[in-house]
Amino acid sequence: RVAVKEMRACRDRIWEAVQVEVKWTKDVVEKLAAAGETGGARP
């Protein structure tokens, strides 16, 4: 949930700054969630 929320925030920031639409696969969310297993949301 944190990974999806942060990816949506990233998508919005990038669109606002440079008008590039960011898309991602479910695997990216899983990889991000795995990065957070040892340190929570900050990683």
PDB file of all heavy atoms in Angstrom:
ATOM      1  N   ARG A   1       0.828  -1.207   0.000  1.00  0.00           N
ATOM      2  CA  ARG A   1       0.000   0.000   0.000  1.00  0.00           C
ATOM      3  C   ARG A   1       0.862   1.258   0.000  1.00  0.00           C
ATOM      4  O   ARG A   1       0.577   2.221  -0.707  1.00  0.00           O
ATOM      5  CB  ARG A   1      -0.935   0.013   1.202  1.00  0.00           C
ATOM      6  CG  ARG A   1      -2.092  -0.933   1.077  1.00  0.00           C
ATOM      7  CD  ARG A   1      -2.979  -0.866   2.288  1.00  0.00           C
ATOM      8  NE  ARG A   1      -4.042  -1.851   2.200  1.00  0.00           N
ATOM      9  CZ  ARG A   1      -4.639  -2.386   3.235  1.00  0.00           C
ATOM     10  NH1 ARG A   1      -4.313  -2.023   4.468  1.00  0.00           N
ATOM     11  NH2 ARG A   1      -5.585  -3.271   3.069  1.00  0.00           N
ATOM     12  N   VAL A   2       1.912   1.245   0.808  1.00  0.00           N
ATOM     13  CA  VAL A   2       2.835   2.381   0.852  1.00  0.00           C
ATOM     14  C   VAL A   2       3.497   2.551  -0.510  1.00  0.00           C
ATOM     15  O   VAL A   2       3.610   3.667  -1.027  1.00  0.00           O
ATOM     16  CB  VAL A   2       3.897   2.194   1.962  1.00  0.00           C
ATOM     17  CG1 VAL A   2       5.012   3.216   1.827  1.00  0.00           C
ATOM     18  CG2 VAL A   2       3.257   2.279   3.330  1.00  0.00           C
ATOM     19  N   ALA A   3       3.931   1.443  -1.118  1.00  0.00           N
ATOM     20  CA  ALA A   3       4.591   1.508  -2.423  1.00  0.00           C
ATOM     21  C   ALA A   3       3.663   2.105  -3.478  1.00  0.00           C
ATOM     22  O   ALA A   3       4.080   2.976  -4.249  1.00  0.00           O
ATOM     23  CB  ALA A   3       5.061   0.123  -2.852  1.00  0.00           C
ATOM     24  N   VAL A   4       2.419   1.681  -3.503  1.00  0.00           N
ATOM     25  CA  VAL A   4       1.460   2.214  -4.485  1.00  0.00           C
ATOM     26  C   VAL A   4       1.207   3.694  -4.219  1.00  0.00           C
ATOM     27  O   VAL A   4       1.194   4.512  -5.144  1.00  0.00           O
ATOM     28  CB  VAL A   4       0.139   1.413  -4.462  1.00  0.00           C
ATOM     29  CG1 VAL A   4      -0.944   2.117  -5.255  1.00  0.00           C
ATOM     30  CG2 VAL A   4       0.361   0.005  -4.991  1.00  0.00           C
ATOM     31  N   LYS A   5       1.018   4.039  -2.950  1.00  0.00           N
ATOM     32  CA  LYS A   5       0.770   5.447  -2.600  1.00  0.00           C
ATOM     33  C   LYS A   5       1.951   6.321  -3.027  1.00  0.00           C
ATOM     34  O   LYS A   5       1.761   7.390  -3.620  1.00  0.00           O
ATOM     35  CB  LYS A   5       0.542   5.576  -1.098  1.00  0.00           C
ATOM     36  CG  LYS A   5       0.317   6.991  -0.647  1.00  0.00           C
ATOM     37  CD  LYS A   5       0.148   7.066   0.854  1.00  0.00           C
ATOM     38  CE  LYS A   5      -0.008   8.516   1.247  1.00  0.00           C
ATOM     39  NZ  LYS A   5       0.596   8.855   2.491  1.00  0.00           N
ATOM     40  N   GLU A   6       3.160   5.878  -2.755  1.00  0.00           N
ATOM     41  CA  GLU A   6       4.342   6.662  -3.106  1.00  0.00           C
ATOM     42  C   GLU A   6       4.560   6.704  -4.617  1.00  0.00           C
ATOM     43  O   GLU A   6       5.019   7.708  -5.155  1.00  0.00           O
ATOM     44  CB  GLU A   6       5.576   6.121  -2.391  1.00  0.00           C
ATOM     45  CG  GLU A   6       5.552   6.326  -0.893  1.00  0.00           C
ATOM     46  CD  GLU A   6       5.478   7.783  -0.472  1.00  0.00           C
ATOM     47  OE1 GLU A   6       5.980   8.671  -1.212  1.00  0.00           O
ATOM     48  OE2 GLU A   6       4.918   8.058   0.599  1.00  0.00           O
ATOM     49  N   MET A   7       4.233   5.629  -5.328  1.00  0.00           N
ATOM     50  CA  MET A   7       4.346   5.638  -6.789  1.00  0.00           C
ATOM     51  C   MET A   7       3.338   6.623  -7.390  1.00  0.00           C
ATOM     52  O   MET A   7       3.645   7.320  -8.352  1.00  0.00           O
ATOM     53  CB  MET A   7       4.130   4.244  -7.369  1.00  0.00           C
ATOM     54  CG  MET A   7       5.337   3.347  -7.276  1.00  0.00           C
ATOM     55  SD  MET A   7       6.781   3.963  -8.180  1.00  0.00           S
ATOM     56  CE  MET A   7       6.205   3.919  -9.869  1.00  0.00           C
ATOM     57  N   ARG A   8       2.151   6.682  -6.832  1.00  0.00           N
ATOM     58  CA  ARG A   8       1.159   7.657  -7.316  1.00  0.00           C
ATOM     59  C   ARG A   8       1.631   9.084  -7.077  1.00  0.00           C
ATOM     60  O   ARG A   8       1.472   9.949  -7.935  1.00  0.00           O
ATOM     61  CB  ARG A   8      -0.189   7.416  -6.637  1.00  0.00           C
ATOM     62  CG  ARG A   8      -0.883   6.176  -7.130  1.00  0.00           C
ATOM     63  CD  ARG A   8      -2.179   5.926  -6.403  1.00  0.00           C
ATOM     64  NE  ARG A   8      -2.827   4.744  -6.933  1.00  0.00           N
ATOM     65  CZ  ARG A   8      -3.736   4.041  -6.279  1.00  0.00           C
ATOM     66  NH1 ARG A   8      -4.121   4.414  -5.064  1.00  0.00           N
ATOM     67  NH2 ARG A   8      -4.266   2.970  -6.828  1.00  0.00           N
ATOM     68  N   ALA A   9       2.234   9.320  -5.917  1.00  0.00           N
ATOM     69  CA  ALA A   9       2.772  10.648  -5.620  1.00  0.00           C
ATOM     70  C   ALA A   9       3.912  10.975  -6.584  1.00  0.00           C
ATOM     71  O   ALA A   9       4.010  12.106  -7.083  1.00  0.00           O
ATOM     72  CB  ALA A   9       3.251  10.719  -4.178  1.00  0.00           C
ATOM     73  N   CYS A  10       4.753  10.005  -6.878  1.00  0.00           N
ATOM     74  CA  CYS A  10       5.844  10.175  -7.842  1.00  0.00           C
ATOM     75  C   CYS A  10       5.283  10.503  -9.219  1.00  0.00           C
ATOM     76  O   CYS A  10       5.757  11.424  -9.884  1.00  0.00           O
ATOM     77  CB  CYS A  10       6.683   8.900  -7.890  1.00  0.00           C
ATOM     78  SG  CYS A  10       7.850   8.809  -9.253  1.00  0.00           S
ATOM     79  N   ARG A  11       4.274   9.749  -9.639  1.00  0.00           N
ATOM     80  CA  ARG A  11       3.632   9.982 -10.932  1.00  0.00           C
ATOM     81  C   ARG A  11       3.118  11.420 -11.023  1.00  0.00           C
ATOM     82  O   ARG A  11       3.338  12.106 -12.020  1.00  0.00           O
ATOM     83  CB  ARG A  11       2.472   8.996 -11.110  1.00  0.00           C
ATOM     84  CG  ARG A  11       1.648   9.220 -12.366  1.00  0.00           C
ATOM     85  CD  ARG A  11       0.359   8.450 -12.334  1.00  0.00           C
ATOM     86  NE  ARG A  11      -0.463   8.897 -11.196  1.00  0.00           N
ATOM     87  CZ  ARG A  11      -1.464   8.199 -10.692  1.00  0.00           C
ATOM     88  NH1 ARG A  11      -1.778   7.020 -11.174  1.00  0.00           N
ATOM     89  NH2 ARG A  11      -2.160   8.677  -9.685  1.00  0.00           N
ATOM     90  N   ASP A  12       2.475  11.885  -9.960  1.00  0.00           N
ATOM     91  CA  ASP A  12       1.926  13.240  -9.955  1.00  0.00           C
ATOM     92  C   ASP A  12       3.026  14.301  -9.997  1.00  0.00           C
ATOM     93  O   ASP A  12       2.910  15.296 -10.711  1.00  0.00           O
ATOM     94  CB  ASP A  12       1.035  13.452  -8.727  1.00  0.00           C
ATOM     95  CG  ASP A  12      -0.210  12.573  -8.751  1.00  0.00           C
ATOM     96  OD1 ASP A  12      -0.543  12.010  -9.821  1.00  0.00           O
ATOM     97  OD2 ASP A  12      -0.838  12.427  -7.685  1.00  0.00           O
ATOM     98  N   ARG A  13       4.107  14.086  -9.244  1.00  0.00           N
ATOM     99  CA  ARG A  13       5.224  15.035  -9.237  1.00  0.00           C
ATOM    100  C   ARG A  13       5.869  15.132 -10.612  1.00  0.00           C
ATOM    101  O   ARG A  13       6.167  16.222 -11.097  1.00  0.00           O
ATOM    102  CB  ARG A  13       6.296  14.615  -8.216  1.00  0.00           C
ATOM    103  CG  ARG A  13       6.015  14.978  -6.802  1.00  0.00           C
ATOM    104  CD  ARG A  13       7.221  14.777  -5.906  1.00  0.00           C
ATOM    105  NE  ARG A  13       7.828  13.459  -5.993  1.00  0.00           N
ATOM    106  CZ  ARG A  13       7.444  12.386  -5.295  1.00  0.00           C
ATOM    107  NH1 ARG A  13       6.419  12.486  -4.459  1.00  0.00           N
ATOM    108  NH2 ARG A  13       8.066  11.238  -5.425  1.00  0.00           N
ATOM    109  N   ILE A  14       6.100  13.984 -11.225  1.00  0.00           N
ATOM    110  CA  ILE A  14       6.754  13.976 -12.538  1.00  0.00           C
ATOM    111  C   ILE A  14       5.854  14.623 -13.580  1.00  0.00           C
ATOM    112  O   ILE A  14       6.315  15.403 -14.407  1.00  0.00           O
ATOM    113  CB  ILE A  14       7.173  12.548 -12.930  1.00  0.00           C
ATOM    114  CG1 ILE A  14       8.330  12.099 -12.036  1.00  0.00           C
ATOM    115  CG2 ILE A  14       7.550  12.471 -14.407  1.00  0.00           C
ATOM    116  CD1 ILE A  14       8.743  10.661 -12.219  1.00  0.00           C
ATOM    117  N   TRP A  15       4.576  14.319 -13.532  1.00  0.00           N
ATOM    118  CA  TRP A  15       3.657  14.941 -14.502  1.00  0.00           C
ATOM    119  C   TRP A  15       3.659  16.456 -14.333  1.00  0.00           C
ATOM    120  O   TRP A  15       3.712  17.198 -15.305  1.00  0.00           O
ATOM    121  CB  TRP A  15       2.246  14.386 -14.361  1.00  0.00           C
ATOM    122  CG  TRP A  15       1.311  15.048 -15.311  1.00  0.00           C
ATOM    123  CD1 TRP A  15       0.394  16.009 -15.041  1.00  0.00           C
ATOM    124  CD2 TRP A  15       1.253  14.831 -16.722  1.00  0.00           C
ATOM    125  NE1 TRP A  15      -0.253  16.397 -16.187  1.00  0.00           N
ATOM    126  CE2 TRP A  15       0.260  15.687 -17.246  1.00  0.00           C
ATOM    127  CE3 TRP A  15       1.929  14.005 -17.606  1.00  0.00           C
ATOM    128  CZ2 TRP A  15      -0.063  15.738 -18.586  1.00  0.00           C
ATOM    129  CZ3 TRP A  15       1.604  14.046 -18.949  1.00  0.00           C
ATOM    130  CH2 TRP A  15       0.618  14.912 -19.428  1.00  0.00           C
ATOM    131  N   GLU A  16       3.589  16.898 -13.098  1.00  0.00           N
ATOM    132  CA  GLU A  16       3.573  18.334 -12.807  1.00  0.00           C
ATOM    133  C   GLU A  16       4.852  19.015 -13.302  1.00  0.00           C
ATOM    134  O   GLU A  16       4.811  20.118 -13.831  1.00  0.00           O
ATOM    135  CB  GLU A  16       3.431  18.541 -11.292  1.00  0.00           C
ATOM    136  CG  GLU A  16       3.284  19.958 -10.866  1.00  0.00           C
ATOM    137  CD  GLU A  16       1.859  20.438 -10.880  1.00  0.00           C
ATOM    138  OE1 GLU A  16       0.930  19.632 -10.958  1.00  0.00           O
ATOM    139  OE2 GLU A  16       1.678  21.661 -10.835  1.00  0.00           O
ATOM    140  N   ALA A  17       5.984  18.351 -13.136  1.00  0.00           N
ATOM    141  CA  ALA A  17       7.267  18.964 -13.466  1.00  0.00           C
ATOM    142  C   ALA A  17       7.599  18.911 -14.961  1.00  0.00           C
ATOM    143  O   ALA A  17       8.063  19.903 -15.521  1.00  0.00           O
ATOM    144  CB  ALA A  17       8.388  18.293 -12.677  1.00  0.00           C
ATOM    145  N   VAL A  18       7.393  17.755 -15.597  1.00  0.00           N
ATOM    146  CA  VAL A  18       7.884  17.597 -16.972  1.00  0.00           C
ATOM    147  C   VAL A  18       6.865  16.985 -17.932  1.00  0.00           C
ATOM    148  O   VAL A  18       7.207  16.636 -19.060  1.00  0.00           O
ATOM    149  CB  VAL A  18       9.196  16.771 -17.014  1.00  0.00           C
ATOM    150  CG1 VAL A  18      10.330  17.525 -16.358  1.00  0.00           C
ATOM    151  CG2 VAL A  18       9.003  15.404 -16.398  1.00  0.00           C
ATOM    152  N   GLN A  19       5.628  16.828 -17.500  1.00  0.00           N
ATOM    153  CA  GLN A  19       4.547  16.294 -18.327  1.00  0.00           C
ATOM    154  C   GLN A  19       4.908  14.942 -18.948  1.00  0.00           C
ATOM    155  O   GLN A  19       4.685  14.692 -20.133  1.00  0.00           O
ATOM    156  CB  GLN A  19       4.125  17.277 -19.426  1.00  0.00           C
ATOM    157  CG  GLN A  19       3.346  18.471 -18.916  1.00  0.00           C
ATOM    158  CD  GLN A  19       4.219  19.437 -18.150  1.00  0.00           C
ATOM    159  OE1 GLN A  19       5.293  19.794 -18.604  1.00  0.00           O
ATOM    160  NE2 GLN A  19       3.778  19.848 -16.983  1.00  0.00           N
ATOM    161  N   VAL A  20       5.467  14.071 -18.123  1.00  0.00           N
ATOM    162  CA  VAL A  20       5.713  12.685 -18.517  1.00  0.00           C
ATOM    163  C   VAL A  20       4.787  11.814 -17.679  1.00  0.00           C
ATOM    164  O   VAL A  20       4.746  11.938 -16.452  1.00  0.00           O
ATOM    165  CB  VAL A  20       7.181  12.276 -18.287  1.00  0.00           C
ATOM    166  CG1 VAL A  20       7.371  10.783 -18.490  1.00  0.00           C
ATOM    167  CG2 VAL A  20       8.097  13.056 -19.214  1.00  0.00           C
ATOM    168  N   GLU A  21       4.036  10.954 -18.353  1.00  0.00           N
ATOM    169  CA  GLU A  21       3.126  10.042 -17.671  1.00  0.00           C
ATOM    170  C   GLU A  21       3.918   8.821 -17.213  1.00  0.00           C
ATOM    171  O   GLU A  21       4.574   8.167 -18.021  1.00  0.00           O
ATOM    172  CB  GLU A  21       2.001   9.617 -18.614  1.00  0.00           C
ATOM    173  CG  GLU A  21       1.016   8.673 -17.991  1.00  0.00           C
ATOM    174  CD  GLU A  21      -0.062   8.219 -18.964  1.00  0.00           C
ATOM    175  OE1 GLU A  21      -0.038   8.628 -20.138  1.00  0.00           O
ATOM    176  OE2 GLU A  21      -0.909   7.423 -18.534  1.00  0.00           O
ATOM    177  N   VAL A  22       3.854   8.518 -15.932  1.00  0.00           N
ATOM    178  CA  VAL A  22       4.576   7.371 -15.383  1.00  0.00           C
ATOM    179  C   VAL A  22       3.602   6.223 -15.178  1.00  0.00           C
ATOM    180  O   VAL A  22       2.543   6.390 -14.578  1.00  0.00           O
ATOM    181  CB  VAL A  22       5.261   7.732 -14.043  1.00  0.00           C
ATOM    182  CG1 VAL A  22       5.913   6.514 -13.422  1.00  0.00           C
ATOM    183  CG2 VAL A  22       6.275   8.845 -14.245  1.00  0.00           C
ATOM    184  N   LYS A  23       3.985   5.062 -15.697  1.00  0.00           N
ATOM    185  CA  LYS A  23       3.220   3.829 -15.516  1.00  0.00           C
ATOM    186  C   LYS A  23       4.150   2.804 -14.892  1.00  0.00           C
ATOM    187  O   LYS A  23       5.365   2.920 -14.991  1.00  0.00           O
ATOM    188  CB  LYS A  23       2.716   3.311 -16.859  1.00  0.00           C
ATOM    189  CG  LYS A  23       1.780   4.263 -17.569  1.00  0.00           C
ATOM    190  CD  LYS A  23       1.336   3.683 -18.881  1.00  0.00           C
ATOM    191  CE  LYS A  23       0.387   4.639 -19.601  1.00  0.00           C
ATOM    192  NZ  LYS A  23      -0.142   4.042 -20.828  1.00  0.00           N
ATOM    193  N   TRP A  24       3.582   1.796 -14.247  1.00  0.00           N
ATOM    194  CA  TRP A  24       4.400   0.758 -13.640  1.00  0.00           C
ATOM    195  C   TRP A  24       3.647  -0.556 -13.611  1.00  0.00           C
ATOM    196  O   TRP A  24       2.429  -0.596 -13.684  1.00  0.00           O
ATOM    197  CB  TRP A  24       4.839   1.156 -12.233  1.00  0.00           C
ATOM    198  CG  TRP A  24       3.703   1.428 -11.287  1.00  0.00           C
ATOM    199  CD1 TRP A  24       3.075   0.540 -10.479  1.00  0.00           C
ATOM    200  CD2 TRP A  24       3.053   2.694 -11.064  1.00  0.00           C
ATOM    201  NE1 TRP A  24       2.083   1.159  -9.754  1.00  0.00           N
ATOM    202  CE2 TRP A  24       2.051   2.479 -10.098  1.00  0.00           C
ATOM    203  CE3 TRP A  24       3.231   3.970 -11.579  1.00  0.00           C
ATOM    204  CZ2 TRP A  24       1.225   3.487  -9.641  1.00  0.00           C
ATOM    205  CZ3 TRP A  24       2.401   4.981 -11.124  1.00  0.00           C
ATOM    206  CH2 TRP A  24       1.418   4.749 -10.164  1.00  0.00           C
ATOM    207  N   THR A  25       4.411  -1.629 -13.487  1.00  0.00           N
ATOM    208  CA  THR A  25       3.834  -2.969 -13.412  1.00  0.00           C
ATOM    209  C   THR A  25       3.697  -3.382 -11.949  1.00  0.00           C
ATOM    210  O   THR A  25       4.290  -2.772 -11.051  1.00  0.00           O
ATOM    211  CB  THR A  25       4.719  -3.988 -14.154  1.00  0.00           C
ATOM    212  OG1 THR A  25       5.981  -4.064 -13.475  1.00  0.00           O
ATOM    213  CG2 THR A  25       4.921  -3.598 -15.612  1.00  0.00           C
ATOM    214  N   LYS A  26       2.960  -4.451 -11.717  1.00  0.00           N
ATOM    215  CA  LYS A  26       2.799  -4.970 -10.357  1.00  0.00           C
ATOM    216  C   LYS A  26       4.132  -5.437  -9.785  1.00  0.00           C
ATOM    217  O   LYS A  26       4.356  -5.361  -8.590  1.00  0.00           O
ATOM    218  CB  LYS A  26       1.806  -6.126 -10.346  1.00  0.00           C
ATOM    219  CG  LYS A  26       0.382  -5.704 -10.591  1.00  0.00           C
ATOM    220  CD  LYS A  26      -0.555  -6.895 -10.543  1.00  0.00           C
ATOM    221  CE  LYS A  26      -1.968  -6.454 -10.851  1.00  0.00           C
ATOM    222  NZ  LYS A  26      -2.906  -7.585 -10.839  1.00  0.00           N
ATOM    223  N   ASP A  27       5.007  -5.914 -10.656  1.00  0.00           N
ATOM    224  CA  ASP A  27       6.321  -6.364 -10.202  1.00  0.00           C
ATOM    225  C   ASP A  27       7.113  -5.228  -9.558  1.00  0.00           C
ATOM    226  O   ASP A  27       7.884  -5.453  -8.625  1.00  0.00           O
ATOM    227  CB  ASP A  27       7.131  -6.943 -11.365  1.00  0.00           C
ATOM    228  CG  ASP A  27       6.548  -8.237 -11.888  1.00  0.00           C
ATOM    229  OD1 ASP A  27       5.746  -8.873 -11.168  1.00  0.00           O
ATOM    230  OD2 ASP A  27       6.906  -8.630 -13.020  1.00  0.00           O
ATOM    231  N   VAL A  28       6.937  -4.016 -10.051  1.00  0.00           N
ATOM    232  CA  VAL A  28       7.636  -2.860  -9.483  1.00  0.00           C
ATOM    233  C   VAL A  28       7.149  -2.625  -8.050  1.00  0.00           C
ATOM    234  O   VAL A  28       7.954  -2.392  -7.142  1.00  0.00           O
ATOM    235  CB  VAL A  28       7.443  -1.594 -10.350  1.00  0.00           C
ATOM    236  CG1 VAL A  28       8.000  -0.363  -9.664  1.00  0.00           C
ATOM    237  CG2 VAL A  28       8.078  -1.789 -11.710  1.00  0.00           C
ATOM    238  N   VAL A  29       5.855  -2.721  -7.846  1.00  0.00           N
ATOM    239  CA  VAL A  29       5.291  -2.547  -6.499  1.00  0.00           C
ATOM    240  C   VAL A  29       5.843  -3.621  -5.565  1.00  0.00           C
ATOM    241  O   VAL A  29       6.232  -3.332  -4.428  1.00  0.00           O
ATOM    242  CB  VAL A  29       3.745  -2.584  -6.538  1.00  0.00           C
ATOM    243  CG1 VAL A  29       3.164  -2.611  -5.131  1.00  0.00           C
ATOM    244  CG2 VAL A  29       3.203  -1.401  -7.313  1.00  0.00           C
ATOM    245  N   GLU A  30       5.925  -4.858  -6.041  1.00  0.00           N
ATOM    246  CA  GLU A  30       6.461  -5.944  -5.225  1.00  0.00           C
ATOM    247  C   GLU A  30       7.933  -5.703  -4.880  1.00  0.00           C
ATOM    248  O   GLU A  30       8.363  -5.940  -3.755  1.00  0.00           O
ATOM    249  CB  GLU A  30       6.299  -7.288  -5.934  1.00  0.00           C
ATOM    250  CG  GLU A  30       4.857  -7.725  -6.109  1.00  0.00           C
ATOM    251  CD  GLU A  30       4.107  -7.872  -4.795  1.00  0.00           C
ATOM    252  OE1 GLU A  30       4.695  -8.346  -3.797  1.00  0.00           O
ATOM    253  OE2 GLU A  30       2.915  -7.521  -4.754  1.00  0.00           O
ATOM    254  N   LYS A  31       8.695  -5.231  -5.842  1.00  0.00           N
ATOM    255  CA  LYS A  31      10.115  -4.948  -5.623  1.00  0.00           C
ATOM    256  C   LYS A  31      10.274  -3.819  -4.601  1.00  0.00           C
ATOM    257  O   LYS A  31      11.139  -3.877  -3.729  1.00  0.00           O
ATOM    258  CB  LYS A  31      10.754  -4.572  -6.952  1.00  0.00           C
ATOM    259  CG  LYS A  31      12.223  -4.521  -6.941  1.00  0.00           C
ATOM    260  CD  LYS A  31      12.804  -5.886  -7.160  1.00  0.00           C
ATOM    261  CE  LYS A  31      14.300  -5.748  -7.393  1.00  0.00           C
ATOM    262  NZ  LYS A  31      15.013  -6.924  -7.021  1.00  0.00           N
ATOM    263  N   LEU A  32       9.447  -2.795  -4.713  1.00  0.00           N
ATOM    264  CA  LEU A  32       9.485  -1.686  -3.749  1.00  0.00           C
ATOM    265  C   LEU A  32       9.092  -2.158  -2.359  1.00  0.00           C
ATOM    266  O   LEU A  32       9.726  -1.781  -1.368  1.00  0.00           O
ATOM    267  CB  LEU A  32       8.572  -0.560  -4.202  1.00  0.00           C
ATOM    268  CG  LEU A  32       9.046   0.244  -5.400  1.00  0.00           C
ATOM    269  CD1 LEU A  32       7.915   1.118  -5.935  1.00  0.00           C
ATOM    270  CD2 LEU A  32      10.256   1.082  -5.045  1.00  0.00           C
ATOM    271  N   ALA A  33       8.052  -2.974  -2.275  1.00  0.00           N
ATOM    272  CA  ALA A  33       7.617  -3.497  -0.976  1.00  0.00           C
ATOM    273  C   ALA A  33       8.727  -4.330  -0.343  1.00  0.00           C
ATOM    274  O   ALA A  33       8.971  -4.242   0.866  1.00  0.00           O
ATOM    275  CB  ALA A  33       6.343  -4.323  -1.130  1.00  0.00           C
ATOM    276  N   ALA A  34       9.432  -5.102  -1.147  1.00  0.00           N
ATOM    277  CA  ALA A  34      10.546  -5.902  -0.635  1.00  0.00           C
ATOM    278  C   ALA A  34      11.658  -5.005  -0.103  1.00  0.00           C
ATOM    279  O   ALA A  34      12.303  -5.329   0.896  1.00  0.00           O
ATOM    280  CB  ALA A  34      11.079  -6.826  -1.731  1.00  0.00           C
ATOM    281  N   ALA A  35      11.870  -3.861  -0.748  1.00  0.00           N
ATOM    282  CA  ALA A  35      12.892  -2.907  -0.282  1.00  0.00           C
ATOM    283  C   ALA A  35      12.518  -2.347   1.086  1.00  0.00           C
ATOM    284  O   ALA A  35      13.387  -1.966   1.863  1.00  0.00           O
ATOM    285  CB  ALA A  35      13.060  -1.775  -1.291  1.00  0.00           C
ATOM    286  N   GLY A  36      11.229  -2.297   1.389  1.00  0.00           N
ATOM    287  CA  GLY A  36      10.774  -1.748   2.658  1.00  0.00           C
ATOM    288  C   GLY A  36      10.723  -2.748   3.793  1.00  0.00           C
ATOM    289  O   GLY A  36      10.451  -2.377   4.928  1.00  0.00           O
ATOM    290  N   GLU A  37      11.017  -4.022   3.503  1.00  0.00           N
ATOM    291  CA  GLU A  37      10.916  -5.044   4.549  1.00  0.00           C
ATOM    292  C   GLU A  37      11.872  -4.815   5.706  1.00  0.00           C
ATOM    293  O   GLU A  37      11.565  -5.164   6.835  1.00  0.00           O
ATOM    294  CB  GLU A  37      11.138  -6.434   3.950  1.00  0.00           C
ATOM    295  CG  GLU A  37       9.973  -6.908   3.118  1.00  0.00           C
ATOM    296  CD  GLU A  37      10.205  -8.259   2.468  1.00  0.00           C
ATOM    297  OE1 GLU A  37      11.330  -8.806   2.592  1.00  0.00           O
ATOM    298  OE2 GLU A  37       9.263  -8.757   1.839  1.00  0.00           O
ATOM    299  N   THR A  38      13.019  -4.228   5.443  1.00  0.00           N
ATOM    300  CA  THR A  38      13.992  -4.045   6.519  1.00  0.00           C
ATOM    301  C   THR A  38      13.955  -2.664   7.139  1.00  0.00           C
ATOM    302  O   THR A  38      14.474  -2.470   8.226  1.00  0.00           O
ATOM    303  CB  THR A  38      15.423  -4.312   6.004  1.00  0.00           C
ATOM    304  OG1 THR A  38      15.682  -3.436   4.908  1.00  0.00           O
ATOM    305  CG2 THR A  38      15.597  -5.745   5.589  1.00  0.00           C
ATOM    306  N   GLY A  39      13.358  -1.684   6.457  1.00  0.00           N
ATOM    307  CA  GLY A  39      13.401  -0.336   7.003  1.00  0.00           C
ATOM    308  C   GLY A  39      12.103   0.421   6.947  1.00  0.00           C
ATOM    309  O   GLY A  39      12.080   1.613   7.228  1.00  0.00           O
ATOM    310  N   GLY A  40      11.035  -0.219   6.524  1.00  0.00           N
ATOM    311  CA  GLY A  40       9.753   0.463   6.467  1.00  0.00           C
ATOM    312  C   GLY A  40       9.574   1.298   5.215  1.00  0.00           C
ATOM    313  O   GLY A  40      10.061   0.959   4.147  1.00  0.00           O
ATOM    314  N   ALA A  41       8.900   2.419   5.357  1.00  0.00           N
ATOM    315  CA  ALA A  41       8.519   3.240   4.209  1.00  0.00           C
ATOM    316  C   ALA A  41       9.668   4.060   3.638  1.00  0.00           C
ATOM    317  O   ALA A  41       9.690   4.347   2.443  1.00  0.00           O
ATOM    318  CB  ALA A  41       7.371   4.163   4.594  1.00  0.00           C
ATOM    319  N   ARG A  42      10.623   4.438   4.449  1.00  0.00           N
ATOM    320  CA  ARG A  42      11.702   5.306   3.949  1.00  0.00           C
ATOM    321  C   ARG A  42      12.499   4.676   2.812  1.00  0.00           C
ATOM    322  O   ARG A  42      12.789   5.346   1.821  1.00  0.00           O
ATOM    323  CB  ARG A  42      12.617   5.736   5.087  1.00  0.00           C
ATOM    324  CG  ARG A  42      11.962   6.783   5.950  1.00  0.00           C
ATOM    325  CD  ARG A  42      12.951   7.386   6.936  1.00  0.00           C
ATOM    326  NE  ARG A  42      12.256   8.366   7.755  1.00  0.00           N
ATOM    327  CZ  ARG A  42      12.214   8.326   9.061  1.00  0.00           C
ATOM    328  NH1 ARG A  42      12.829   7.374   9.718  1.00  0.00           N
ATOM    329  NH2 ARG A  42      11.567   9.263   9.726  1.00  0.00           N
ATOM    330  N   PRO A  43      12.888   3.401   2.912  1.00  0.00           N
ATOM    331  CA  PRO A  43      13.602   2.801   1.783  1.00  0.00           C
ATOM    332  C   PRO A  43      12.766   2.753   0.500  1.00  0.00           C
ATOM    333  O   PRO A  43      13.310   2.835  -0.594  1.00  0.00           O
ATOM    334  CB  PRO A  43      13.931   1.389   2.262  1.00  0.00           C
ATOM    335  CG  PRO A  43      13.917   1.471   3.741  1.00  0.00           C
ATOM    336  CD  PRO A  43      12.873   2.509   4.068  1.00  0.00           C
TER     337      PRO A  43
END
